[in-house]
C-alpha atoms as a PDB file:
ATOM      1  CA  MET A   1     -32.369 -14.603  13.860  1.00  0.00           C
ATOM      2  CA  GLY A   2     -33.687 -13.232  17.175  1.00  0.00           C
ATOM      3  CA  ILE A   3     -36.345 -11.267  17.182  1.00  0.00           C
ATOM      4  CA  THR A   4     -38.665  -9.150  20.325  1.00  0.00           C
ATOM      5  CA  HIS A   5     -39.748  -6.013  21.214  1.00  0.00           C
ATOM      6  CA  TRP A   6     -38.516  -3.860  23.899  1.00  0.00           C
ATOM      7  CA  ASP A   7     -42.350  -3.796  25.622  1.00  0.00           C
ATOM      8  CA  GLU A   8     -41.723  -7.668  26.131  1.00  0.00           C
ATOM      9  CA  VAL A   9     -38.050  -7.280  27.749  1.00  0.00           C
ATOM     10  CA  GLU A  10     -38.221  -7.160  31.801  1.00  0.00           C
ATOM     11  CA  THR A  11     -36.391  -4.174  32.111  1.00  0.00           C
ATOM     12  CA  TYR A  12     -34.386  -3.672  35.858  1.00  0.00           C
ATOM     13  CA  ARG A  13     -33.529  -1.014  38.684  1.00  0.00           C
ATOM     14  CA  ASN A  14     -30.214  -0.513  39.418  1.00  0.00           C
ATOM     15  CA  GLU A  15     -28.900   1.665  42.030  1.00  0.00           C
ATOM     16  CA  ARG A  16     -26.208   1.773  43.661  1.00  0.00           C
ATOM     17  CA  GLY A  17     -24.199   4.185  45.715  1.00  0.00           C
ATOM     18  CA  GLN A  18     -24.392   7.368  42.972  1.00  0.00           C
ATOM     19  CA  MET A  19     -25.755   5.155  40.738  1.00  0.00           C
ATOM     20  CA  ALA A  20     -29.331   4.784  39.464  1.00  0.00           C
ATOM     21  CA  GLY A  21     -31.093   3.948  36.332  1.00  0.00           C
ATOM     22  CA  SER A  22     -33.274   1.147  34.434  1.00  0.00           C
ATOM     23  CA  TRP A  23     -32.199  -1.553  32.448  1.00  0.00           C
ATOM     24  CA  SER A  24     -33.187  -3.627  29.547  1.00  0.00           C
ATOM     25  CA  ASN A  25     -30.986  -6.200  27.569  1.00  0.00           C
ATOM     26  CA  LEU A  26     -32.387  -5.979  24.787  1.00  0.00           C
ATOM     27  CA  GLY A  27     -30.159  -7.655  22.700  1.00  0.00           C
ATOM     28  CA  SER A  28     -29.940 -11.014  25.362  1.00  0.00           C
ATOM     29  CA  ALA A  29     -33.481 -10.677  24.217  1.00  0.00           C
ATOM     30  CA  ALA A  30     -32.991 -10.877  21.012  1.00  0.00           C
ATOM     31  CA  GLU A  31     -30.648 -13.533  21.021  1.00  0.00           C
ATOM     32  CA  SER A  32     -27.700 -11.480  19.899  1.00  0.00           C
ATOM     33  CA  TYR A  33     -24.703 -13.495  19.645  1.00  0.00           C
ATOM     34  CA  ARG A  34     -21.232 -11.853  20.803  1.00  0.00           C
ATOM     35  CA  CYS A  35     -22.684  -7.878  20.599  1.00  0.00           C
ATOM     36  CA  GLY A  36     -25.399  -6.884  22.582  1.00  0.00           C
ATOM     37  CA  VAL A  37     -27.742  -3.251  23.205  1.00  0.00           C
ATOM     38  CA  HIS A  38     -29.236  -2.149  26.639  1.00  0.00           C
ATOM     39  CA  ARG A  39     -32.017   0.057  26.772  1.00  0.00           C
ATOM     40  CA  ILE A  40     -31.118   2.363  29.553  1.00  0.00           C
ATOM     41  CA  GLN A  41     -34.431   4.822  31.061  1.00  0.00           C
ATOM     42  CA  LEU A  42     -33.003   7.459  33.313  1.00  0.00           C
ATOM     43  CA  GLU A  43     -35.046   9.684  35.796  1.00  0.00           C
ATOM     44  CA  PRO A  44     -33.529  13.592  35.925  1.00  0.00           C
ATOM     45  CA  GLY A  45     -30.247  13.104  37.405  1.00  0.00           C
ATOM     46  CA  GLU A  46     -30.247  10.008  37.411  1.00  0.00           C
ATOM     47  CA  MET A  47     -26.666   8.302  36.430  1.00  0.00           C
ATOM     48  CA  PRO A  48     -26.235   4.502  35.222  1.00  0.00           C
ATOM     49  CA  THR A  49     -22.710   3.981  35.716  1.00  0.00           C
ATOM     50  CA  PRO A  50     -19.323   5.247  36.812  1.00  0.00           C
ATOM     51  CA  ALA A  51     -17.334   6.664  34.599  1.00  0.00           C
ATOM     52  CA  HIS A  52     -15.290   3.908  32.786  1.00  0.00           C
ATOM     53  CA  VAL A  53     -13.286   2.392  29.849  1.00  0.00           C
ATOM     54  CA  HIS A  54     -13.630  -0.539  27.746  1.00  0.00           C
ATOM     55  CA  GLY A  55     -10.283  -2.438  27.165  1.00  0.00           C
ATOM     56  CA  GLU A  56     -11.937  -3.658  23.758  1.00  0.00           C
ATOM     57  CA  SER A  57     -15.578  -2.158  23.300  1.00  0.00           C
ATOM     58  CA  GLU A  58     -16.662   0.492  21.258  1.00  0.00           C
ATOM     59  CA  GLU A  59     -19.334   1.613  22.725  1.00  0.00           C
ATOM     60  CA  ILE A  60     -22.242   3.655  20.330  1.00  0.00           C
ATOM     61  CA  PHE A  61     -25.236   5.071  22.070  1.00  0.00           C
ATOM     62  CA  TYR A  62     -28.154   6.529  20.337  1.00  0.00           C
ATOM     63  CA  VAL A  63     -29.946   8.883  22.388  1.00  0.00           C
ATOM     64  CA  LEU A  64     -33.892   8.547  21.618  1.00  0.00           C
ATOM     65  CA  ALA A  65     -35.788  11.172  23.743  1.00  0.00           C
ATOM     66  CA  GLY A  66     -34.851  13.730  26.746  1.00  0.00           C
ATOM     67  CA  SER A  67     -31.682  14.942  27.443  1.00  0.00           C
ATOM     68  CA  GLY A  68     -28.836  15.574  29.712  1.00  0.00           C
ATOM     69  CA  LEU A  69     -24.630  15.823  29.871  1.00  0.00           C
ATOM     70  CA  THR A  70     -22.003  12.999  28.944  1.00  0.00           C
ATOM     71  CA  LEU A  71     -19.399  12.927  30.512  1.00  0.00           C
ATOM     72  CA  LYS A  72     -15.376  12.459  28.156  1.00  0.00           C
ATOM     73  CA  ASP A  73     -12.665  12.409  31.367  1.00  0.00           C
ATOM     74  CA  ASP A  74     -13.267  15.828  32.869  1.00  0.00           C
ATOM     75  CA  LYS A  75     -15.052  17.120  30.485  1.00  0.00           C
ATOM     76  CA  ALA A  76     -19.324  17.491  30.490  1.00  0.00           C
ATOM     77  CA  TYR A  77     -21.261  18.132  26.867  1.00  0.00           C
ATOM     78  CA  ALA A  78     -25.100  18.722  26.428  1.00  0.00           C
ATOM     79  CA  ILE A  79     -26.724  15.597  24.451  1.00  0.00           C
ATOM     80  CA  ARG A  80     -30.357  16.064  22.963  1.00  0.00           C
ATOM     81  CA  ALA A  81     -32.752  13.322  21.192  1.00  0.00           C
ATOM     82  CA  GLY A  82     -31.563  12.397  18.322  1.00  0.00           C
ATOM     83  CA  ASP A  83     -27.980  12.579  19.176  1.00  0.00           C
ATOM     84  CA  CYS A  84     -25.150   9.677  18.108  1.00  0.00           C
ATOM     85  CA  ILE A  85     -21.962   9.572  20.653  1.00  0.00           C
ATOM     86  CA  VAL A  86     -19.330   7.212  20.125  1.00  0.00           C
ATOM     87  CA  TYR A  87     -17.202   5.753  22.777  1.00  0.00           C
ATOM     88  CA  ARG A  88     -14.164   4.824  22.084  1.00  0.00           C
ATOM     89  CA  ASN A  89     -11.558   1.801  23.696  1.00  0.00           C
ATOM     90  CA  TYR A  90      -8.890   2.769  25.634  1.00  0.00           C
ATOM     91  CA  HIS A  91      -9.679   5.927  25.372  1.00  0.00           C
ATOM     92  CA  GLU A  92     -11.757   8.992  27.564  1.00  0.00           C
ATOM     93  CA  ALA A  93     -13.565   7.398  30.889  1.00  0.00           C
ATOM     94  CA  HIS A  94     -16.983   8.616  29.893  1.00  0.00           C
ATOM     95  CA  THR A  95     -20.765   8.278  31.205  1.00  0.00           C
ATOM     96  CA  ILE A  96     -24.086   9.823  31.242  1.00  0.00           C
ATOM     97  CA  ARG A  97     -26.660  11.758  33.355  1.00  0.00           C
ATOM     98  CA  ALA A  98     -30.542  12.970  32.935  1.00  0.00           C
ATOM     99  CA  GLY A  99     -31.477  16.306  32.268  1.00  0.00           C
ATOM    100  CA  ASP A 100     -34.322  17.697  33.810  1.00  0.00           C
ATOM    101  CA  ASP A 101     -36.983  15.812  31.251  1.00  0.00           C
ATOM    102  CA  GLY A 102     -35.072  12.542  31.593  1.00  0.00           C
ATOM    103  CA  LEU A 103     -33.171  10.089  29.358  1.00  0.00           C
ATOM    104  CA  ASP A 104     -33.823   7.625  27.190  1.00  0.00           C
ATOM    105  CA  VAL A 105     -30.596   5.988  25.241  1.00  0.00           C
ATOM    106  CA  LEU A 106     -29.787   3.261  23.357  1.00  0.00           C
ATOM    107  CA  ALA A 107     -25.927   1.324  24.384  1.00  0.00           C
ATOM    108  CA  PHE A 108     -24.840  -0.283  21.905  1.00  0.00           C
ATOM    109  CA  GLY A 109     -21.497  -2.639  21.696  1.00  0.00           C
ATOM    110  CA  PRO A 110     -19.353  -5.536  21.545  1.00  0.00           C
ATOM    111  CA  ARG A 111     -19.091  -8.027  24.709  1.00  0.00           C
ATOM    112  CA  GLU A 112     -16.039  -8.436  26.330  1.00  0.00           C
ATOM    113  CA  TYR A 113     -14.766 -11.731  27.946  1.00  0.00           C
ATOM    114  CA  PHE A 114     -11.893 -11.343  30.136  1.00  0.00           C
ATOM    115  CA  THR A 115      -9.490 -13.901  29.374  1.00  0.00           C
ATOM    116  CA  SER A 116      -7.832 -15.318  32.862  1.00  0.00           C
ATOM    117  CA  SER A 117      -7.375 -18.107  34.829  1.00  0.00           C
ATOM    118  CA  GLU A 118      -8.755 -17.644  38.566  1.00  0.00           C
ATOM    119  CA  LEU A 119      -7.402 -19.180  41.803  1.00  0.00           C
ATOM    120  CA  PRO A 120     -10.995 -19.472  43.949  1.00  0.00           C
ATOM    121  CA  ARG A 121      -9.355 -20.697  46.932  1.00  0.00           C
ATOM    122  CA  GLY A 122      -6.859 -18.183  47.317  1.00  0.00           C
ATOM    123  CA  GLY A 123      -8.825 -15.439  45.804  1.00  0.00           C
ATOM    124  CA  THR A 124      -6.603 -14.833  43.087  1.00  0.00           C
ATOM    125  CA  MET A 125      -6.275 -14.252  39.241  1.00  0.00           C
ATOM    126  CA  TRP A 126      -3.345 -14.336  36.678  1.00  0.00           C
ATOM    127  CA  SER A 127      -3.076 -10.695  34.906  1.00  0.00           C
ATOM    128  CA  ILE A 128      -0.226 -10.732  32.096  1.00  0.00           C
ATOM    129  CA  THR A 129       2.906  -9.425  34.494  1.00  0.00           C
ATOM    130  CA  GLY A 130       1.222 -10.923  37.539  1.00  0.00           C
ATOM    131  CA  TRP A 131      -1.547 -11.513  39.719  1.00  0.00           C
ATOM    132  CA  ILE A 132      -4.320  -9.934  40.810  1.00  0.00           C
ATOM    133  CA  GLU A 133      -6.359 -10.058  44.213  1.00  0.00           C
ATOM    134  CA  VAL A 134     -10.150 -10.814  43.786  1.00  0.00           C
ATOM    135  CA  HIS A 135     -12.154  -8.970  46.227  1.00  0.00           C
ATOM    136  CA  SER A 136     -15.584  -9.481  47.334  1.00  0.00           C
ATOM    137  CA  GLY A 137     -18.659  -7.311  47.309  1.00  0.00           C
ATOM    138  CA  HIS A 138     -19.063  -4.800  43.980  1.00  0.00           C
ATOM    139  CA  PRO A 139     -16.360  -2.147  42.690  1.00  0.00           C
ATOM    140  CA  TRP A 140     -19.114   0.706  42.593  1.00  0.00           C
ATOM    141  CA  ASP A 141     -19.056   0.557  46.176  1.00  0.00           C
ATOM    142  CA  ARG A 142     -15.508   1.959  46.167  1.00  0.00           C
ATOM    143  CA  GLU A 143     -16.390   4.480  43.740  1.00  0.00           C
ATOM    144  CA  PRO A 144     -15.836   8.188  45.101  1.00  0.00           C
ATOM    145  CA  ALA A 145     -18.651  10.731  43.942  1.00  0.00           C
ATOM    146  CA  LEU A 146     -18.504  12.057  40.830  1.00  0.00           C
ATOM    147  CA  VAL A 147     -18.636  16.320  40.365  1.00  0.00           C
ATOM    148  CA  TRP A 148     -20.074  17.150  37.216  1.00  0.00           C
ATOM    149  CA  PRO A 149     -18.469  20.138  35.305  1.00  0.00           C
ATOM    150  CA  GLU A 150     -20.632  22.643  34.261  1.00  0.00           C
ATOM    151  CA  PRO A 151     -20.763  21.306  30.346  1.00  0.00           C
ATOM    152  CA  GLU A 152     -18.640  23.449  27.255  1.00  0.00           C
ATOM    153  CA  ALA A 153     -20.098  25.394  24.693  1.00  0.00           C
ATOM    154  CA  GLU A 154     -18.747  23.645  22.460  1.00  0.00           C
ATOM    155  CA  ARG A 155     -19.336  20.116  21.112  1.00  0.00           C
ATOM    156  CA  PRO A 156     -16.674  17.565  20.484  1.00  0.00           C
ATOM    157  CA  SER A 157     -16.546  15.360  17.015  1.00  0.00           C
ATOM    158  CA  ALA A 158     -17.629  12.898  18.513  1.00  0.00           C
ATOM    159  CA  ILE A 159     -21.304  13.576  19.629  1.00  0.00           C
ATOM    160  CA  VAL A 160     -23.556  14.253  16.392  1.00  0.00           C
ATOM    161  CA  ASN A 161     -27.126  15.016  16.127  1.00  0.00           C
ATOM    162  CA  VAL A 162     -28.455  12.355  13.369  1.00  0.00           C
ATOM    163  CA  GLN A 163     -29.993  16.057  12.049  1.00  0.00           C
ATOM    164  CA  GLU A 164     -26.851  17.219  11.229  1.00  0.00           C
ATOM    165  CA  VAL A 165     -25.865  14.431   9.095  1.00  0.00           C
ATOM    166  CA  GLU A 166     -26.343  15.044   5.478  1.00  0.00           C
ATOM    167  CA  PRO A 167     -28.564  11.559   4.094  1.00  0.00           C
ATOM    168  CA  ASP A 168     -27.292   9.062   1.256  1.00  0.00           C
ATOM    169  CA  VAL A 169     -30.251   9.174  -0.144  1.00  0.00           C
ATOM    170  CA  ARG A 170     -31.439   6.222  -2.486  1.00  0.00           C
ATOM    171  CA  GLY A 171     -35.016   6.044  -4.308  1.00  0.00           C
ATOM    172  CA  GLY A 172     -37.352   6.123  -1.427  1.00  0.00           C
ATOM    173  CA  ARG A 173     -34.398   5.677   1.759  1.00  0.00           C
ATOM    174  CA  ARG A 174     -32.283   7.935   3.334  1.00  0.00           C
ATOM    175  CA  ARG A 175     -29.448   6.434   5.288  1.00  0.00           C
ATOM    176  CA  ARG A 176     -27.470   8.654   7.980  1.00  0.00           C
ATOM    177  CA  TYR A 177     -23.939   7.051   8.717  1.00  0.00           C
ATOM    178  CA  LEU A 178     -24.118   8.209  12.328  1.00  0.00           C
ATOM    179  CA  GLY A 179     -21.163   5.993  13.191  1.00  0.00           C
ATOM    180  CA  SER A 180     -18.910   7.454  10.695  1.00  0.00           C
ATOM    181  CA  ALA A 181     -19.826  10.698  11.203  1.00  0.00           C
ATOM    182  CA  ALA A 182     -18.995  10.482  14.850  1.00  0.00           C
ATOM    183  CA  GLY A 183     -15.560   8.590  14.352  1.00  0.00           C
ATOM    184  CA  SER A 184     -16.405   5.446  15.697  1.00  0.00           C
ATOM    185  CA  ARG A 185     -13.282   3.275  14.086  1.00  0.00           C
ATOM    186  CA  TRP A 186     -14.483  -0.977  15.146  1.00  0.00           C
ATOM    187  CA  THR A 187     -18.337  -0.628  14.739  1.00  0.00           C
ATOM    188  CA  GLY A 188     -21.026   1.121  12.642  1.00  0.00           C
ATOM    189  CA  LEU A 189     -24.553   2.906  13.308  1.00  0.00           C
ATOM    190  CA  THR A 190     -26.918   3.789  10.235  1.00  0.00           C
ATOM    191  CA  HIS A 191     -29.971   5.267  10.663  1.00  0.00           C
ATOM    192  CA  ILE A 192     -32.665   4.795   8.182  1.00  0.00           C
ATOM    193  CA  GLU A 193     -35.565   6.108   6.893  1.00  0.00           C
ATOM    194  CA  CYS A 194     -38.015   3.860   4.506  1.00  0.00           C
ATOM    195  CA  ASP A 195     -40.419   5.358   2.821  1.00  0.00           C
ATOM    196  CA  ALA A 196     -43.558   2.860   1.986  1.00  0.00           C
ATOM    197  CA  GLY A 197     -43.124  -0.339   0.200  1.00  0.00           C
ATOM    198  CA  THR A 198     -39.465   0.452   0.104  1.00  0.00           C
ATOM    199  CA  LEU A 199     -36.578  -2.188   0.630  1.00  0.00           C
ATOM    200  CA  SER A 200     -33.794  -0.998   3.864  1.00  0.00           C
ATOM    201  CA  GLY A 201     -31.464  -2.110   1.511  1.00  0.00           C
ATOM    202  CA  PRO A 202     -30.517  -5.095  -1.309  1.00  0.00           C
ATOM    203  CA  PRO A 203     -31.554  -8.180   1.244  1.00  0.00           C
ATOM    204  CA  HIS A 204     -27.907  -9.785   1.819  1.00  0.00           C
ATOM    205  CA  VAL A 205     -26.002 -12.261   4.701  1.00  0.00           C
ATOM    206  CA  HIS A 206     -22.723 -11.439   6.378  1.00  0.00           C
ATOM    207  CA  SER A 207     -20.305 -13.946   7.290  1.00  0.00           C
ATOM    208  CA  ALA A 208     -18.373 -12.001  10.134  1.00  0.00           C
ATOM    209  CA  GLU A 209     -20.678  -9.249  11.296  1.00  0.00           C
ATOM    210  CA  GLU A 210     -23.214  -9.481  13.566  1.00  0.00           C
ATOM    211  CA  GLU A 211     -25.834  -6.557  13.063  1.00  0.00           C
ATOM    212  CA  LEU A 212     -28.731  -5.901  15.570  1.00  0.00           C
ATOM    213  CA  PHE A 213     -31.610  -3.290  14.250  1.00  0.00           C
ATOM    214  CA  VAL A 214     -33.977  -1.558  16.632  1.00  0.00           C
ATOM    215  CA  VAL A 215     -36.969   0.042  14.775  1.00  0.00           C
ATOM    216  CA  LEU A 216     -37.482   3.617  15.791  1.00  0.00           C
ATOM    217  CA  ASP A 217     -40.745   4.812  13.964  1.00  0.00           C
ATOM    218  CA  GLY A 218     -43.247   3.376  11.785  1.00  0.00           C
ATOM    219  CA  GLU A 219     -44.018  -0.540  10.583  1.00  0.00           C
ATOM    220  CA  GLY A 220     -43.086  -2.958   8.366  1.00  0.00           C
ATOM    221  CA  THR A 221     -41.842  -5.698   7.602  1.00  0.00           C
ATOM    222  CA  LEU A 222     -38.644  -7.774   8.478  1.00  0.00           C
ATOM    223  CA  GLU A 223     -37.621  -9.905   5.381  1.00  0.00           C
ATOM    224  CA  LEU A 224     -35.584 -13.220   5.367  1.00  0.00           C
ATOM    225  CA  TRP A 225     -34.622 -14.171   2.139  1.00  0.00           C
ATOM    226  CA  PRO A 226     -36.880 -15.335  -0.159  1.00  0.00           C
ATOM    227  CA  ASP A 227     -39.918 -16.326   1.455  1.00  0.00           C
ATOM    228  CA  GLU A 228     -39.841 -15.479   4.950  1.00  0.00           C
ATOM    229  CA  ARG A 229     -41.867 -12.715   6.451  1.00  0.00           C
ATOM    230  CA  HIS A 230     -41.670 -11.446  10.439  1.00  0.00           C
ATOM    231  CA  PRO A 231     -43.799  -8.327  10.890  1.00  0.00           C
ATOM    232  CA  VAL A 232     -42.134  -5.882  13.009  1.00  0.00           C
ATOM    233  CA  ARG A 233     -43.201  -1.967  14.356  1.00  0.00           C
ATOM    234  CA  ALA A 234     -41.776   0.616  16.963  1.00  0.00           C
ATOM    235  CA  GLY A 235     -39.648  -0.945  19.652  1.00  0.00           C
ATOM    236  CA  THR A 236     -39.274  -4.323  17.960  1.00  0.00           C
ATOM    237  CA  VAL A 237     -35.574  -5.541  18.180  1.00  0.00           C
ATOM    238  CA  VAL A 238     -33.895  -7.452  15.509  1.00  0.00           C
ATOM    239  CA  ALA A 239     -30.939  -9.752  15.712  1.00  0.00           C
ATOM    240  CA  ARG A 240     -28.728 -11.035  12.787  1.00  0.00           C
ATOM    241  CA  PRO A 241     -26.017 -13.316  13.746  1.00  0.00           C
ATOM    242  CA  PRO A 242     -23.542 -14.156  10.901  1.00  0.00           C
ATOM    243  CA  GLY A 243     -22.833 -17.024   8.392  1.00  0.00           C
ATOM    244  CA  THR A 244     -26.547 -17.616   8.758  1.00  0.00           C
ATOM    245  CA  GLY A 245     -26.520 -18.446   4.950  1.00  0.00           C
ATOM    246  CA  VAL A 246     -29.880 -16.665   4.764  1.00  0.00           C
ATOM    247  CA  ALA A 247     -30.283 -12.888   3.408  1.00  0.00           C
ATOM    248  CA  HIS A 248     -32.355  -9.934   5.575  1.00  0.00           C
ATOM    249  CA  ALA A 249     -33.770  -6.626   4.776  1.00  0.00           C
ATOM    250  CA  PHE A 250     -36.607  -4.556   5.732  1.00  0.00           C
ATOM    251  CA  ARG A 251     -39.270  -3.458   4.421  1.00  0.00           C
ATOM    252  CA  ALA A 252     -41.289  -0.301   5.433  1.00  0.00           C
ATOM    253  CA  GLY A 253     -45.371  -0.537   5.576  1.00  0.00           C
ATOM    254  CA  ALA A 254     -48.454   1.942   4.196  1.00  0.00           C
ATOM    255  CA  PRO A 255     -46.460   4.516   7.244  1.00  0.00           C
ATOM    256  CA  GLY A 256     -43.245   4.254   6.570  1.00  0.00           C
ATOM    257  CA  MET A 257     -40.288   3.330   8.743  1.00  0.00           C
ATOM    258  CA  THR A 258     -37.085   4.555  10.541  1.00  0.00           C
ATOM    259  CA  LEU A 259     -34.668   2.410  12.118  1.00  0.00           C
ATOM    260  CA  ILE A 260     -31.302   2.314  13.579  1.00  0.00           C
ATOM    261  CA  ALA A 261     -28.824  -0.835  11.958  1.00  0.00           C
ATOM    262  CA  TRP A 262     -25.593  -1.386  14.206  1.00  0.00           C
ATOM    263  CA  GLY A 263     -22.859  -3.887  13.851  1.00  0.00           C
ATOM    264  CA  THR A 264     -19.668  -4.807  13.997  1.00  0.00           C
ATOM    265  CA  ARG A 265     -16.510  -3.984  11.120  1.00  0.00           C
ATOM    266  CA  GLU A 266     -15.232  -6.933  10.151  1.00  0.00           C
ATOM    267  CA  PRO A 267     -12.139  -6.510   8.262  1.00  0.00           C
ATOM    268  CA  ASN A 268     -12.617 -10.538   7.493  1.00  0.00           C
ATOM    269  CA  ASP A 269     -16.394 -10.174   6.789  1.00  0.00           C
ATOM    270  CA  ILE A 270     -18.085 -10.831   3.342  1.00  0.00           C
ATOM    271  CA  CYS A 271     -21.389  -9.978   2.446  1.00  0.00           C
ATOM    272  CA  TRP A 272     -23.861 -12.137   0.108  1.00  0.00           C
ATOM    273  CA  TYR A 273     -26.400 -10.811  -2.115  1.00  0.00           C
ATOM    274  CA  PRO A 274     -27.937 -13.560  -3.788  1.00  0.00           C
ATOM    275  CA  ARG A 275     -30.435 -11.035  -5.360  1.00  0.00           C
ATOM    276  CA  SER A 276     -27.736 -10.367  -7.788  1.00  0.00           C
ATOM    277  CA  LYS A 277     -24.849 -12.770  -7.392  1.00  0.00           C
ATOM    278  CA  LYS A 278     -22.655  -9.778  -5.611  1.00  0.00           C
ATOM    279  CA  ILE A 279     -19.988 -10.512  -2.664  1.00  0.00           C
ATOM    280  CA  TYR A 280     -18.406  -8.117  -1.349  1.00  0.00           C
ATOM    281  CA  TRP A 281     -15.303  -8.430   0.417  1.00  0.00           C
ATOM    282  CA  ARG A 282     -15.274  -5.392   2.673  1.00  0.00           C
ATOM    283  CA  GLY A 283     -12.384  -5.650   4.507  1.00  0.00           C
ATOM    284  CA  VAL A 284     -10.475  -4.658   0.983  1.00  0.00           C
ATOM    285  CA  ASP A 285     -13.545  -2.944  -0.374  1.00  0.00           C
ATOM    286  CA  VAL A 286     -14.233  -4.459  -3.615  1.00  0.00           C
ATOM    287  CA  VAL A 287     -17.502  -5.740  -4.931  1.00  0.00           C
ATOM    288  CA  GLY A 288     -17.821  -8.424  -7.644  1.00  0.00           C
ATOM    289  CA  ARG A 289     -20.649 -11.179  -9.255  1.00  0.00           C
ATOM    290  CA  ILE A 290     -19.574 -14.758  -9.393  1.00  0.00           C
ATOM    291  CA  GLU A 291     -22.026 -17.539 -10.787  1.00  0.00           C
ATOM    292  CA  THR A 292     -23.185 -19.475  -8.192  1.00  0.00           C
ATOM    293  CA  LEU A 293     -22.459 -23.621  -8.357  1.00  0.00           C
ATOM    294  CA  ASP A 294     -23.637 -26.815  -6.570  1.00  0.00           C
ATOM    295  CA  TYR A 295     -20.922 -27.943  -4.212  1.00  0.00           C
ATOM    296  CA  TRP A 296     -20.173 -31.642  -6.460  1.00  0.00           C
ATOM    297  CA  ASP A 297     -20.103 -29.390 -10.131  1.00  0.00           C
ATOM    298  CA  GLY A 298     -17.194 -30.386 -11.763  1.00  0.00           C
ATOM    299  CA  GLU A 299     -16.009 -32.758  -8.969  1.00  0.00           C
ATOM    300  CA  SER A 300     -15.557 -36.964  -9.084  1.00  0.00           C
ATOM    301  CA  LEU A 301     -17.908 -39.216  -6.876  1.00  0.00           C
ATOM    302  CA  GLU A 302     -15.535 -41.869  -7.197  1.00  0.00           C
END
């Protein structure tokens, strides 16, 4: 488990050609494993990256503040605070640009690791059907200028605002499944509002899914079941890698708490709920209760 606060994470400035922005690698600071989250802060008119497409990584952006545009291929759409934007892998080329009031976003996604062999003396790499020439310098230096089109009047289904999604109300908590509402396939993003004293959900631990959490408002406690506690507040970032055997949940403090939960959707994931002794086989959507035993129960030690 890793925990940090975005005020404690180094922010680096990235400027190259038409691209500019201030980045904070929150995922690595929270010791995430194969997934990450960056905070990207843009001044008016800034664009952090060229239009790009990922091979394996589905990205989900959440707009913390400000407004601007997102590009999807040759069309632009207005975005604003509270928006969730899904960029599917092998789909549209995308980027964002800040409006007159700047733009502050969280960018979530799995980390891609390109598996290939490089021949450093000859400056080449193997590909599936041949070989690739390796260039020095930076690929953004070859990026042509991007001329932004006027924004479309209607936004696509891959952009939703938190106020547009009906909450799942359970006691003193309201959960909005923004990723699913925006058409995510391999990852999920949930917006959770908790009244004072309320748990974000039952304590649980994943076998295969990695989760990242960012507290947006209020304060409370990260509970690692059964008896470890960590205070959290707006800006706290928590990484929960899979296979720890330690269940987690968040409990809201006196002012209540709002947080984002992002995670991968692993078809082989098994979720264990130690308080209720339930197991959730997520790939087949089956929940059952089991009897827990000692490893050597019923076995002969001879």
